[in-house]
N, C-alpha and C. Protein backbone atom coordinates (compact mmCIF):
# COMPACT_ATOMS: atom_id res chain seq x y z
N MET A 1 -50.75 32.64 -19.04
CA MET A 1 -49.98 31.52 -19.70
C MET A 1 -48.94 32.04 -20.30
N LYS A 2 -48.92 33.29 -21.09
CA LYS A 2 -47.93 33.46 -21.91
C LYS A 2 -46.47 33.68 -21.06
N ASN A 3 -46.68 34.40 -20.21
CA ASN A 3 -45.67 34.80 -19.29
C ASN A 3 -45.03 33.30 -18.35
N LEU A 4 -46.07 32.77 -18.19
CA LEU A 4 -45.55 31.16 -17.89
C LEU A 4 -44.93 30.78 -18.97
N TYR A 5 -45.06 30.65 -20.09
CA TYR A 5 -44.02 29.97 -21.22
C TYR A 5 -42.78 30.77 -21.15
N LEU A 6 -43.07 31.90 -21.22
CA LEU A 6 -41.77 32.96 -21.38
C LEU A 6 -40.81 32.52 -20.30
N THR A 7 -41.60 32.71 -19.14
CA THR A 7 -40.21 32.19 -18.01
C THR A 7 -39.57 30.80 -17.95
N LEU A 8 -40.35 29.81 -18.67
CA LEU A 8 -39.62 28.71 -19.04
C LEU A 8 -38.73 28.37 -19.56
N LEU A 9 -38.95 29.55 -20.91
CA LEU A 9 -38.31 29.89 -22.19
C LEU A 9 -36.77 30.05 -21.61
N ILE A 10 -37.20 31.31 -20.83
CA ILE A 10 -35.71 32.12 -20.13
C ILE A 10 -34.80 30.94 -19.42
N LEU A 11 -35.55 30.23 -18.47
CA LEU A 11 -35.17 29.20 -17.39
C LEU A 11 -33.97 28.09 -18.14
N THR A 12 -34.64 27.94 -19.44
CA THR A 12 -34.16 26.68 -20.09
C THR A 12 -32.79 27.27 -20.89
N GLY A 13 -33.24 28.39 -21.47
CA GLY A 13 -31.89 29.02 -21.92
C GLY A 13 -30.75 29.37 -20.99
N CYS A 14 -31.21 29.73 -19.86
CA CYS A 14 -30.01 29.94 -18.82
C CYS A 14 -29.52 28.63 -18.60
N PHE A 15 -30.13 27.45 -18.31
CA PHE A 15 -29.57 26.51 -18.03
C PHE A 15 -28.62 25.63 -19.30
N THR A 16 -29.00 25.63 -20.52
CA THR A 16 -28.18 25.48 -21.41
C THR A 16 -27.19 25.99 -21.27
N SER A 17 -27.23 27.61 -21.01
CA SER A 17 -25.54 28.21 -21.18
C SER A 17 -24.92 27.97 -20.22
N CYS A 18 -25.63 27.72 -19.04
CA CYS A 18 -24.77 27.41 -17.70
C CYS A 18 -23.75 25.82 -18.07
N LYS A 19 -24.82 24.96 -18.61
CA LYS A 19 -24.08 23.66 -18.56
C LYS A 19 -22.79 23.79 -19.84
N LYS A 20 -22.98 24.96 -20.76
CA LYS A 20 -22.13 25.06 -21.75
C LYS A 20 -20.77 25.63 -21.38
N GLU A 21 -20.72 26.43 -20.12
CA GLU A 21 -19.73 27.15 -20.18
C GLU A 21 -20.11 27.84 -18.54
N ILE A 22 -18.99 27.85 -17.74
CA ILE A 22 -19.01 27.91 -16.40
C ILE A 22 -17.95 28.72 -15.64
N LYS A 23 -18.25 30.23 -15.28
CA LYS A 23 -16.78 31.26 -15.04
C LYS A 23 -16.91 31.46 -13.69
N THR A 24 -15.71 31.36 -13.57
CA THR A 24 -15.41 31.66 -11.91
C THR A 24 -15.61 32.97 -11.60
N GLU A 25 -14.85 33.56 -10.07
CA GLU A 25 -15.02 34.46 -9.65
C GLU A 25 -14.59 35.64 -10.97
N SER A 26 -13.26 35.16 -10.74
CA SER A 26 -12.40 36.21 -11.85
C SER A 26 -12.73 36.35 -13.00
N GLY A 27 -13.82 35.22 -13.98
CA GLY A 27 -14.27 35.40 -15.12
C GLY A 27 -13.01 35.00 -16.30
N ASN A 28 -12.08 34.59 -15.84
CA ASN A 28 -10.68 34.52 -16.76
C ASN A 28 -10.78 32.66 -17.01
N GLU A 29 -11.38 31.78 -16.34
CA GLU A 29 -11.35 30.29 -16.30
C GLU A 29 -12.64 29.91 -16.90
N LYS A 30 -12.71 28.72 -17.73
CA LYS A 30 -13.77 28.20 -17.99
C LYS A 30 -13.81 26.75 -17.87
N VAL A 31 -15.11 26.18 -17.31
CA VAL A 31 -15.21 24.95 -16.99
C VAL A 31 -16.17 24.31 -18.32
N THR A 32 -15.65 23.14 -18.89
CA THR A 32 -16.54 22.26 -19.71
C THR A 32 -17.75 21.75 -18.80
N ASP A 33 -18.64 21.33 -19.65
CA ASP A 33 -20.08 20.39 -19.11
C ASP A 33 -19.42 19.23 -18.57
N THR A 34 -18.19 18.56 -18.81
CA THR A 34 -17.69 17.36 -18.84
C THR A 34 -16.64 17.87 -17.25
N ILE A 35 -16.81 17.54 -16.12
CA ILE A 35 -16.18 17.97 -15.04
C ILE A 35 -15.56 16.68 -14.68
N LYS A 36 -14.19 16.77 -14.23
CA LYS A 36 -13.39 15.44 -13.97
C LYS A 36 -12.81 15.73 -12.76
N THR A 37 -12.48 15.19 -12.19
CA THR A 37 -12.02 14.91 -10.67
C THR A 37 -10.31 14.44 -11.15
N LYS A 38 -9.49 15.01 -10.30
CA LYS A 38 -7.94 14.78 -10.52
C LYS A 38 -7.94 13.28 -10.67
N GLU A 39 -8.47 12.65 -9.71
CA GLU A 39 -8.37 11.00 -9.51
C GLU A 39 -8.82 10.36 -11.24
N GLN A 40 -10.21 11.09 -11.25
CA GLN A 40 -10.38 10.67 -12.56
C GLN A 40 -9.53 10.68 -13.74
N ALA A 41 -8.76 11.85 -14.10
CA ALA A 41 -7.88 12.24 -15.16
C ALA A 41 -6.71 11.50 -14.85
N ILE A 42 -6.13 11.12 -13.54
CA ILE A 42 -4.91 10.08 -13.65
C ILE A 42 -5.22 8.90 -13.98
N GLU A 43 -6.14 8.33 -13.29
CA GLU A 43 -6.48 7.02 -13.32
C GLU A 43 -7.33 6.54 -14.44
N GLN A 44 -6.64 5.64 -15.57
CA GLN A 44 -7.06 5.16 -16.59
C GLN A 44 -7.66 3.75 -16.45
N PRO A 45 -8.99 3.79 -17.29
CA PRO A 45 -9.46 2.59 -17.01
C PRO A 45 -9.14 1.27 -17.53
N LEU A 46 -9.01 -0.07 -16.74
CA LEU A 46 -8.56 -1.28 -17.30
C LEU A 46 -9.29 -1.68 -18.34
N ASP A 47 -8.91 -2.14 -19.45
CA ASP A 47 -9.62 -2.74 -20.36
C ASP A 47 -10.11 -4.26 -19.92
N SER A 48 -10.87 -4.61 -20.26
CA SER A 48 -11.48 -5.87 -19.62
C SER A 48 -10.48 -7.23 -19.36
N ALA A 49 -9.68 -7.45 -20.31
CA ALA A 49 -8.41 -8.55 -20.40
C ALA A 49 -7.92 -8.22 -19.06
N ALA A 50 -7.51 -6.95 -18.87
CA ALA A 50 -6.45 -6.70 -17.56
C ALA A 50 -7.35 -6.76 -16.36
N GLN A 51 -8.25 -6.22 -16.54
CA GLN A 51 -9.31 -6.76 -15.18
C GLN A 51 -9.72 -8.05 -14.99
N MET A 52 -9.70 -9.17 -15.96
CA MET A 52 -10.00 -10.31 -15.79
C MET A 52 -8.96 -11.00 -14.99
N LYS A 53 -7.49 -10.17 -15.55
CA LYS A 53 -6.26 -10.76 -15.16
C LYS A 53 -6.09 -10.59 -13.48
N ALA A 54 -6.67 -9.32 -13.13
CA ALA A 54 -6.46 -8.52 -12.03
C ALA A 54 -7.24 -9.60 -10.91
N TRP A 55 -8.29 -9.90 -11.33
CA TRP A 55 -9.57 -10.62 -10.70
C TRP A 55 -8.89 -12.16 -10.48
N ALA A 56 -8.36 -12.53 -11.52
CA ALA A 56 -7.95 -14.28 -11.63
C ALA A 56 -6.74 -14.33 -10.39
N GLU A 57 -5.75 -13.22 -10.38
CA GLU A 57 -4.54 -13.16 -9.72
C GLU A 57 -5.43 -12.84 -8.26
N TYR A 58 -6.02 -12.20 -8.02
CA TYR A 58 -6.69 -11.88 -6.52
C TYR A 58 -7.20 -13.31 -5.88
N ALA A 59 -8.20 -13.89 -6.86
CA ALA A 59 -8.86 -15.33 -6.20
C ALA A 59 -7.80 -16.69 -6.49
N THR A 60 -6.58 -16.61 -6.70
CA THR A 60 -5.29 -18.01 -6.66
C THR A 60 -5.18 -17.78 -5.64
N PRO A 61 -4.93 -19.03 -4.88
CA PRO A 61 -4.25 -19.39 -3.63
C PRO A 61 -2.85 -19.50 -4.04
N GLY A 62 -1.94 -18.75 -3.27
CA GLY A 62 -0.67 -18.95 -3.58
C GLY A 62 0.10 -19.51 -2.40
N ASN A 63 1.71 -18.94 -2.41
CA ASN A 63 2.47 -19.38 -1.25
C ASN A 63 1.96 -19.19 0.49
N ALA A 64 1.59 -18.13 0.29
CA ALA A 64 0.74 -17.83 1.58
C ALA A 64 -0.11 -18.67 2.12
N HIS A 65 -1.02 -19.25 1.22
CA HIS A 65 -2.18 -20.34 1.41
C HIS A 65 -1.45 -21.44 1.72
N LYS A 66 -0.72 -22.00 1.00
CA LYS A 66 0.20 -22.93 1.05
C LYS A 66 1.07 -23.24 2.90
N LEU A 67 1.36 -21.87 2.98
CA LEU A 67 1.71 -21.96 4.75
C LEU A 67 0.82 -22.26 5.44
N MET A 68 -0.71 -21.59 5.24
CA MET A 68 -1.67 -21.79 5.98
C MET A 68 -2.09 -23.31 5.82
N ALA A 69 -2.16 -23.98 4.82
CA ALA A 69 -2.76 -25.38 4.39
C ALA A 69 -1.65 -26.22 5.40
N ASP A 70 -0.21 -25.75 5.67
CA ASP A 70 0.51 -26.86 6.36
C ASP A 70 -0.16 -27.30 7.66
N GLU A 71 -0.67 -26.27 8.41
CA GLU A 71 -1.04 -26.69 9.63
C GLU A 71 -2.78 -27.51 9.61
N THR A 72 -3.13 -27.88 8.38
CA THR A 72 -4.09 -28.72 8.62
C THR A 72 -3.89 -29.89 9.46
N GLY A 73 -5.36 -30.32 9.88
CA GLY A 73 -4.67 -31.56 11.36
C GLY A 73 -5.16 -30.98 12.47
N THR A 74 -4.91 -31.81 13.72
CA THR A 74 -5.53 -31.91 14.98
C THR A 74 -4.33 -31.31 15.84
N TRP A 75 -4.52 -30.32 16.72
CA TRP A 75 -3.37 -30.07 17.43
C TRP A 75 -3.95 -29.79 19.11
N ASN A 76 -3.42 -30.30 19.88
CA ASN A 76 -3.26 -29.95 21.23
C ASN A 76 -2.67 -28.50 21.76
N CYS A 77 -3.84 -27.66 22.35
CA CYS A 77 -3.43 -26.44 22.77
C CYS A 77 -3.21 -26.46 24.24
N ASP A 78 -2.22 -25.84 24.46
CA ASP A 78 -1.84 -26.02 26.42
C ASP A 78 -1.78 -24.28 26.32
N MET A 79 -3.19 -23.73 27.02
CA MET A 79 -3.06 -22.41 27.01
C MET A 79 -3.14 -21.77 28.60
N THR A 80 -2.59 -20.53 28.58
CA THR A 80 -2.11 -19.72 29.52
C THR A 80 -2.76 -18.59 29.74
N PHE A 81 -3.40 -18.06 30.63
CA PHE A 81 -3.95 -16.61 31.02
C PHE A 81 -3.62 -15.41 32.13
N TRP A 82 -3.41 -14.66 31.97
CA TRP A 82 -3.34 -13.58 32.93
C TRP A 82 -4.35 -12.74 32.80
N SER A 83 -4.90 -12.51 34.03
CA SER A 83 -5.89 -11.09 34.03
C SER A 83 -5.49 -10.20 34.25
N GLU A 84 -4.31 -9.77 34.68
CA GLU A 84 -3.72 -8.24 34.97
C GLU A 84 -2.28 -8.42 34.80
N PRO A 85 -1.42 -7.49 34.79
CA PRO A 85 -0.21 -7.33 34.44
C PRO A 85 0.48 -8.03 35.71
N ASN A 86 1.51 -8.84 35.80
CA ASN A 86 2.03 -9.91 36.54
C ASN A 86 1.11 -10.50 37.80
N GLY A 87 -0.18 -10.75 37.26
CA GLY A 87 -0.92 -11.70 37.80
C GLY A 87 -1.01 -13.11 37.78
N LYS A 88 -1.24 -13.71 38.40
CA LYS A 88 -0.98 -15.23 38.80
C LYS A 88 -1.72 -15.89 37.42
N PRO A 89 -1.00 -16.67 36.73
CA PRO A 89 -1.47 -17.32 35.66
C PRO A 89 -2.55 -18.34 35.90
N GLU A 90 -3.27 -18.88 34.94
CA GLU A 90 -4.60 -19.72 34.83
C GLU A 90 -4.48 -20.53 33.51
N LYS A 91 -4.52 -21.90 33.75
CA LYS A 91 -4.30 -23.07 32.95
C LYS A 91 -5.86 -23.51 32.31
N ALA A 92 -5.40 -23.76 31.09
CA ALA A 92 -6.69 -24.41 30.27
C ALA A 92 -6.00 -25.29 29.19
N SER A 93 -6.81 -26.28 28.65
CA SER A 93 -6.50 -26.88 27.62
C SER A 93 -7.91 -26.97 26.60
N SER A 94 -7.00 -27.19 25.12
CA SER A 94 -8.09 -27.24 24.30
C SER A 94 -7.64 -28.14 23.06
N THR A 95 -8.56 -28.57 22.05
CA THR A 95 -8.03 -29.22 20.90
C THR A 95 -8.53 -28.46 19.59
N ALA A 96 -7.50 -28.07 19.02
CA ALA A 96 -8.04 -27.52 17.77
C ALA A 96 -7.96 -28.51 16.45
N ASN A 97 -9.14 -28.36 15.43
CA ASN A 97 -8.87 -28.68 14.24
C ASN A 97 -9.05 -28.05 13.00
N ILE A 98 -7.89 -28.17 12.51
CA ILE A 98 -7.66 -27.04 11.39
C ILE A 98 -7.79 -27.88 9.93
N LYS A 99 -8.31 -26.83 9.35
CA LYS A 99 -8.58 -27.32 7.80
C LYS A 99 -8.77 -25.93 6.91
N MET A 100 -8.70 -26.27 5.56
CA MET A 100 -8.63 -25.15 4.66
C MET A 100 -10.27 -25.20 3.84
N ILE A 101 -10.54 -24.19 3.89
CA ILE A 101 -12.10 -24.08 2.95
C ILE A 101 -11.97 -23.00 1.87
N LEU A 102 -13.02 -23.13 1.01
CA LEU A 102 -13.46 -22.45 -0.11
C LEU A 102 -12.17 -22.50 -1.04
N GLY A 103 -11.69 -23.82 -1.44
CA GLY A 103 -10.87 -24.08 -2.39
C GLY A 103 -9.37 -23.92 -2.16
N GLY A 104 -9.22 -24.09 -0.92
CA GLY A 104 -7.88 -23.62 -0.07
C GLY A 104 -7.52 -22.12 -0.19
N ARG A 105 -8.36 -21.28 0.33
CA ARG A 105 -8.09 -19.93 0.27
C ARG A 105 -7.99 -19.38 1.01
N TYR A 106 -8.82 -20.05 2.43
CA TYR A 106 -9.35 -19.54 3.74
C TYR A 106 -8.63 -20.83 4.87
N GLN A 107 -8.25 -20.56 5.94
CA GLN A 107 -8.20 -21.59 6.83
C GLN A 107 -8.98 -21.18 8.23
N GLU A 108 -9.58 -22.37 8.47
CA GLU A 108 -10.82 -22.16 9.38
C GLU A 108 -10.18 -23.07 10.80
N ALA A 109 -10.47 -22.97 11.96
CA ALA A 109 -10.06 -23.68 13.05
C ALA A 109 -10.71 -23.69 13.99
N ASN A 110 -11.31 -24.74 14.50
CA ASN A 110 -12.47 -25.23 15.35
C ASN A 110 -11.86 -25.52 16.46
N TYR A 111 -11.95 -25.30 18.01
CA TYR A 111 -11.45 -25.23 19.27
C TYR A 111 -12.39 -26.01 20.02
N SER A 112 -12.08 -26.70 21.02
CA SER A 112 -13.27 -27.23 21.95
C SER A 112 -11.99 -27.47 23.27
N GLY A 113 -12.83 -27.58 24.42
CA GLY A 113 -11.97 -27.93 25.81
C GLY A 113 -13.09 -27.14 26.58
N THR A 114 -12.33 -27.08 27.39
CA THR A 114 -12.65 -26.75 29.25
C THR A 114 -11.83 -25.24 29.48
N MET A 115 -12.52 -24.38 30.03
CA MET A 115 -12.24 -23.02 30.40
C MET A 115 -12.83 -22.47 31.40
N MET A 116 -11.95 -22.09 32.91
CA MET A 116 -12.74 -22.09 34.09
C MET A 116 -13.70 -23.03 34.64
N GLY A 117 -13.19 -24.01 34.24
CA GLY A 117 -14.72 -25.26 34.51
C GLY A 117 -15.81 -25.05 33.78
N GLN A 118 -15.99 -24.62 33.04
CA GLN A 118 -16.97 -24.34 31.46
C GLN A 118 -16.53 -24.77 30.22
N PRO A 119 -17.46 -25.85 29.47
CA PRO A 119 -17.21 -26.05 28.30
C PRO A 119 -16.59 -24.77 27.32
N PHE A 120 -15.97 -25.04 26.27
CA PHE A 120 -15.26 -24.06 25.61
C PHE A 120 -15.34 -24.26 24.06
N GLN A 121 -15.97 -23.66 23.11
CA GLN A 121 -16.05 -23.85 22.29
C GLN A 121 -15.37 -22.57 21.34
N GLY A 122 -14.77 -22.78 20.30
CA GLY A 122 -14.35 -21.30 19.48
C GLY A 122 -13.98 -21.64 17.99
N LYS A 123 -13.94 -20.57 17.29
CA LYS A 123 -13.90 -20.80 15.77
C LYS A 123 -12.81 -19.55 15.37
N SER A 124 -12.06 -19.85 14.73
CA SER A 124 -11.27 -18.77 14.00
C SER A 124 -10.96 -19.02 12.50
N THR A 125 -10.61 -18.16 11.75
CA THR A 125 -10.67 -17.95 10.38
C THR A 125 -9.17 -17.27 10.17
N LEU A 126 -8.86 -17.64 9.28
CA LEU A 126 -7.35 -16.71 8.93
C LEU A 126 -7.40 -16.46 7.26
N ALA A 127 -7.35 -15.50 6.80
CA ALA A 127 -7.01 -15.24 5.11
C ALA A 127 -5.60 -14.28 5.12
N TYR A 128 -5.41 -14.77 3.77
CA TYR A 128 -4.30 -13.91 3.14
C TYR A 128 -4.73 -13.10 1.70
N ASN A 129 -4.61 -11.81 1.85
CA ASN A 129 -5.48 -11.04 0.91
C ASN A 129 -4.44 -10.52 -0.26
N ASN A 130 -4.42 -11.27 -1.51
CA ASN A 130 -3.37 -11.49 -2.24
C ASN A 130 -3.56 -9.60 -3.04
N ALA A 131 -4.46 -8.89 -2.46
CA ALA A 131 -4.25 -7.70 -3.31
C ALA A 131 -3.59 -6.81 -2.06
N SER A 132 -4.20 -6.89 -0.63
CA SER A 132 -3.10 -6.00 0.06
C SER A 132 -1.82 -6.41 1.03
N LYS A 133 -1.86 -7.84 0.44
CA LYS A 133 -0.68 -8.58 1.00
C LYS A 133 -0.71 -8.58 2.71
N GLU A 134 -1.78 -8.87 2.93
CA GLU A 134 -1.88 -8.74 4.54
C GLU A 134 -3.07 -9.71 4.81
N TYR A 135 -2.39 -10.36 5.97
CA TYR A 135 -3.41 -11.20 6.74
C TYR A 135 -4.58 -11.01 7.46
N THR A 136 -5.45 -11.42 7.31
CA THR A 136 -6.90 -11.02 8.39
C THR A 136 -7.25 -12.31 9.14
N THR A 137 -6.85 -12.25 10.42
CA THR A 137 -7.81 -13.06 11.52
C THR A 137 -8.94 -12.93 12.36
N THR A 138 -10.15 -13.86 12.35
CA THR A 138 -11.44 -13.42 13.20
C THR A 138 -11.35 -14.90 14.09
N PHE A 139 -12.01 -14.22 15.48
CA PHE A 139 -12.17 -15.20 16.25
C PHE A 139 -13.44 -14.97 17.21
N ILE A 140 -14.14 -15.99 17.15
CA ILE A 140 -15.50 -15.92 17.99
C ILE A 140 -15.38 -17.06 19.23
N ASP A 141 -16.60 -17.21 19.99
CA ASP A 141 -16.40 -18.46 21.00
C ASP A 141 -18.01 -18.35 21.75
N ASN A 142 -17.82 -19.34 22.43
CA ASN A 142 -19.39 -19.21 23.33
C ASN A 142 -19.43 -18.71 24.82
N MET A 143 -17.70 -17.95 24.98
CA MET A 143 -17.68 -16.98 26.01
C MET A 143 -18.29 -15.88 26.15
N GLY A 144 -18.55 -15.04 24.84
CA GLY A 144 -19.11 -13.90 24.37
C GLY A 144 -20.10 -13.65 23.43
N THR A 145 -20.35 -12.77 22.75
CA THR A 145 -20.92 -12.55 21.65
C THR A 145 -20.53 -11.63 20.56
N GLY A 146 -19.16 -11.15 20.89
CA GLY A 146 -17.88 -10.37 20.03
C GLY A 146 -17.26 -11.25 18.95
N MET A 147 -16.86 -10.40 18.47
CA MET A 147 -15.95 -11.02 17.07
C MET A 147 -14.45 -10.33 17.20
N MET A 148 -13.31 -11.02 17.41
CA MET A 148 -12.23 -10.29 17.24
C MET A 148 -11.65 -10.43 15.87
N VAL A 149 -11.29 -8.99 15.25
CA VAL A 149 -10.76 -9.03 14.12
C VAL A 149 -9.41 -8.28 13.83
N ALA A 150 -8.06 -8.96 13.37
CA ALA A 150 -7.12 -8.41 13.40
C ALA A 150 -6.27 -8.42 12.03
N VAL A 151 -5.67 -7.55 11.43
CA VAL A 151 -4.67 -7.44 10.89
C VAL A 151 -3.67 -7.43 10.85
N GLY A 152 -2.46 -8.35 10.08
CA GLY A 152 -0.85 -7.97 10.20
C GLY A 152 -0.12 -8.87 9.07
N LYS A 153 1.16 -8.88 9.03
CA LYS A 153 1.80 -9.56 8.08
C LYS A 153 2.93 -10.44 8.74
N PHE A 154 3.21 -10.98 7.95
CA PHE A 154 4.17 -12.28 7.95
C PHE A 154 5.67 -11.84 7.81
N ASP A 155 6.77 -11.89 8.81
CA ASP A 155 8.01 -11.91 8.91
C ASP A 155 9.00 -12.99 8.57
N GLU A 156 9.39 -13.20 7.62
CA GLU A 156 9.77 -14.11 7.31
C GLU A 156 11.21 -14.54 7.99
N LYS A 157 12.06 -13.62 8.74
CA LYS A 157 13.01 -13.77 9.31
C LYS A 157 12.60 -14.49 10.75
N THR A 158 11.58 -13.86 11.64
CA THR A 158 11.14 -14.60 12.82
C THR A 158 10.08 -15.66 12.68
N LYS A 159 10.08 -15.66 11.64
CA LYS A 159 8.73 -16.78 11.22
C LYS A 159 7.33 -16.53 12.01
N SER A 160 7.12 -15.36 12.22
CA SER A 160 6.10 -15.19 12.97
C SER A 160 5.31 -14.04 12.07
N MET A 161 3.77 -14.00 12.55
CA MET A 161 2.66 -12.97 12.14
C MET A 161 2.57 -12.00 13.22
N GLU A 162 2.57 -10.64 13.10
CA GLU A 162 1.92 -9.82 14.08
C GLU A 162 0.85 -9.37 13.73
N PHE A 163 -0.28 -9.48 14.72
CA PHE A 163 -1.70 -8.89 14.44
C PHE A 163 -1.72 -7.86 15.03
N LYS A 164 -3.04 -6.68 14.72
CA LYS A 164 -3.42 -5.93 15.59
C LYS A 164 -4.94 -5.83 15.49
N GLY A 165 -5.42 -5.48 16.29
CA GLY A 165 -6.85 -5.14 16.22
C GLY A 165 -7.56 -4.76 17.33
N ASP A 166 -8.66 -4.68 17.55
CA ASP A 166 -9.70 -3.76 18.93
C ASP A 166 -10.44 -4.98 19.31
N MET A 167 -10.94 -4.55 20.63
CA MET A 167 -11.67 -5.66 21.23
C MET A 167 -12.69 -5.19 22.18
N VAL A 168 -13.80 -5.08 22.30
CA VAL A 168 -14.45 -4.52 23.06
C VAL A 168 -14.74 -5.16 24.74
N ASN A 169 -14.46 -4.40 25.65
CA ASN A 169 -14.23 -4.46 27.11
C ASN A 169 -15.84 -4.71 27.36
N PRO A 170 -16.23 -5.70 27.72
CA PRO A 170 -17.45 -6.04 28.37
C PRO A 170 -17.85 -5.35 29.65
N VAL A 171 -17.09 -5.10 30.10
CA VAL A 171 -17.28 -4.11 31.94
C VAL A 171 -17.77 -2.74 31.46
N ASN A 172 -17.00 -1.79 30.24
CA ASN A 172 -17.25 -0.69 30.24
C ASN A 172 -17.99 -0.17 29.15
N GLY A 173 -17.71 -1.51 27.93
CA GLY A 173 -18.30 -1.56 26.46
C GLY A 173 -17.62 -0.39 25.69
N LYS A 174 -16.40 -0.17 26.11
CA LYS A 174 -15.36 0.41 25.37
C LYS A 174 -14.06 -0.23 24.48
N LYS A 175 -13.88 0.11 23.25
CA LYS A 175 -12.91 -0.78 22.46
C LYS A 175 -11.44 -0.43 22.97
N THR A 176 -10.72 -1.73 23.13
CA THR A 176 -9.20 -1.45 23.48
C THR A 176 -8.43 -2.26 22.71
N PRO A 177 -7.27 -1.61 22.16
CA PRO A 177 -6.38 -1.98 21.60
C PRO A 177 -5.81 -3.58 21.99
N TYR A 178 -5.52 -4.60 20.83
CA TYR A 178 -5.23 -6.02 21.70
C TYR A 178 -3.84 -6.26 20.38
N ARG A 179 -2.93 -6.97 20.57
CA ARG A 179 -1.84 -7.16 19.60
C ARG A 179 -1.69 -8.95 19.83
N GLU A 180 -1.61 -9.62 18.89
CA GLU A 180 -1.04 -10.79 18.99
C GLU A 180 0.03 -10.99 17.82
N ILE A 181 0.78 -12.10 18.64
CA ILE A 181 1.74 -12.47 17.74
C ILE A 181 1.68 -14.22 17.40
N TYR A 182 1.86 -14.71 16.10
CA TYR A 182 1.56 -16.08 16.14
C TYR A 182 3.17 -16.75 15.51
N THR A 183 4.01 -17.71 16.21
CA THR A 183 5.03 -17.96 15.57
C THR A 183 4.98 -19.56 15.55
N ILE A 184 5.61 -19.54 14.11
CA ILE A 184 6.05 -20.68 13.68
C ILE A 184 7.29 -21.51 14.28
N VAL A 185 6.95 -22.22 15.37
CA VAL A 185 8.32 -22.72 15.91
C VAL A 185 8.89 -23.62 15.17
N ASP A 186 8.29 -24.80 14.83
CA ASP A 186 8.89 -25.96 14.03
C ASP A 186 7.89 -26.21 13.34
N PRO A 187 7.82 -27.44 12.41
CA PRO A 187 6.64 -27.94 11.52
C PRO A 187 5.43 -28.54 12.70
N LYS A 188 5.82 -29.02 14.02
CA LYS A 188 4.53 -29.39 14.76
C LYS A 188 4.24 -28.61 15.85
N THR A 189 4.72 -27.15 16.04
CA THR A 189 4.74 -26.63 17.15
C THR A 189 4.52 -24.97 16.65
N ARG A 190 3.08 -24.58 17.24
CA ARG A 190 2.99 -23.20 17.02
C ARG A 190 2.90 -22.58 18.50
N LYS A 191 3.22 -21.17 18.46
CA LYS A 191 3.07 -20.33 19.51
C LYS A 191 2.10 -19.16 19.20
N MET A 192 0.78 -18.88 20.06
CA MET A 192 0.26 -17.86 19.99
C MET A 192 0.65 -17.00 21.43
N GLU A 193 0.67 -15.56 21.08
CA GLU A 193 0.67 -14.43 22.48
C GLU A 193 0.10 -13.83 22.11
N MET A 194 -1.04 -13.24 23.20
CA MET A 194 -1.60 -12.29 22.81
C MET A 194 -1.67 -11.08 23.97
N PHE A 195 -1.34 -9.73 23.56
CA PHE A 195 -1.40 -8.82 24.48
C PHE A 195 -2.47 -7.89 24.78
N ASP A 196 -3.01 -7.53 26.06
CA ASP A 196 -3.81 -7.14 26.17
C ASP A 196 -3.40 -5.30 26.77
N VAL A 197 -4.26 -4.50 26.73
CA VAL A 197 -3.75 -3.28 27.57
C VAL A 197 -4.91 -2.87 28.68
N LYS A 198 -4.07 -2.56 29.99
CA LYS A 198 -4.77 -2.40 31.18
C LYS A 198 -4.03 -1.17 31.74
N ASN A 199 -5.20 -0.43 31.95
CA ASN A 199 -4.57 1.44 32.59
C ASN A 199 -3.50 1.70 31.96
N GLY A 200 -3.54 1.74 30.61
CA GLY A 200 -2.50 2.41 29.83
C GLY A 200 -1.18 1.36 29.36
N GLU A 201 -1.57 0.22 30.17
CA GLU A 201 0.17 -0.55 30.14
C GLU A 201 -0.36 -1.84 29.06
N GLU A 202 0.29 -2.46 28.08
CA GLU A 202 0.34 -3.27 27.56
C GLU A 202 1.09 -4.52 28.42
N TYR A 203 0.20 -5.88 28.61
CA TYR A 203 0.65 -6.97 29.16
C TYR A 203 0.46 -8.33 28.58
N LYS A 204 1.21 -9.03 28.68
CA LYS A 204 0.75 -10.30 28.06
C LYS A 204 -0.47 -11.01 28.55
N SER A 205 -1.67 -11.19 28.05
CA SER A 205 -2.71 -11.72 28.71
C SER A 205 -2.94 -13.23 28.27
N MET A 206 -2.24 -13.77 27.37
CA MET A 206 -2.50 -15.08 27.09
C MET A 206 -1.39 -15.61 26.31
N GLU A 207 -1.15 -17.02 26.31
CA GLU A 207 -0.19 -17.67 25.62
C GLU A 207 -0.68 -18.99 25.25
N ILE A 208 -0.51 -19.49 24.04
CA ILE A 208 -1.08 -20.57 23.54
C ILE A 208 0.12 -21.66 22.82
N ILE A 209 0.41 -23.09 23.63
CA ILE A 209 1.62 -23.75 22.98
C ILE A 209 0.74 -24.66 22.06
N MET A 210 0.78 -24.71 20.57
CA MET A 210 -0.08 -25.67 20.01
C MET A 210 0.94 -27.10 19.35
N LYS A 211 0.73 -28.10 19.52
CA LYS A 211 1.45 -29.11 19.60
C LYS A 211 0.73 -30.19 18.36
N LYS A 212 1.02 -30.40 17.18
CA LYS A 212 0.13 -31.40 16.24
C LYS A 212 0.19 -32.80 16.71
N LYS A 213 -0.58 -33.19 16.56
CA LYS A 213 -0.53 -34.70 16.90
C LYS A 213 0.04 -35.48 15.56
């Protein structure tokens, strides 16, 4: 029992000593018990007022959200598809009902129509992140079980957004990149172009001309 007590006492002393001072292999440098990373040393914590201001700015809709709100309404969509580069185009049509949700912070579009002789339903969301200064778009429909997600920015000169993302090919289960260009043609016309990759070559796989009712 005496030996056990002595062992515990020695271990406690070693722990206290190591906590106070750690020597490197050279024996010339000392590290205090409060070790900070470079990031912690550089980044100073914000006070509560600054944090509240940052979160308020993050949550407040701005000009980008007003641009999205301009599309509120019903749109007729003329859709053209290509299954391969220089392939024969296939046509379809749908109607999109667009609205703003969650206090004007996000855009939601609900599509309904006919595609390949089958009823078609789809839903997209569009967000502008005040912090990252980027747009994010998502799309789901009844023709699959996956979600398409892409991120991009708005070009004021061309009045268009270029999105880039990945989608899963249901034939082989592999992810493939895709690109989308969404253009504001005029107040009542929008054009959406999608580009897929097949055999290492990018090609235009879809075009949608939207006309506001």
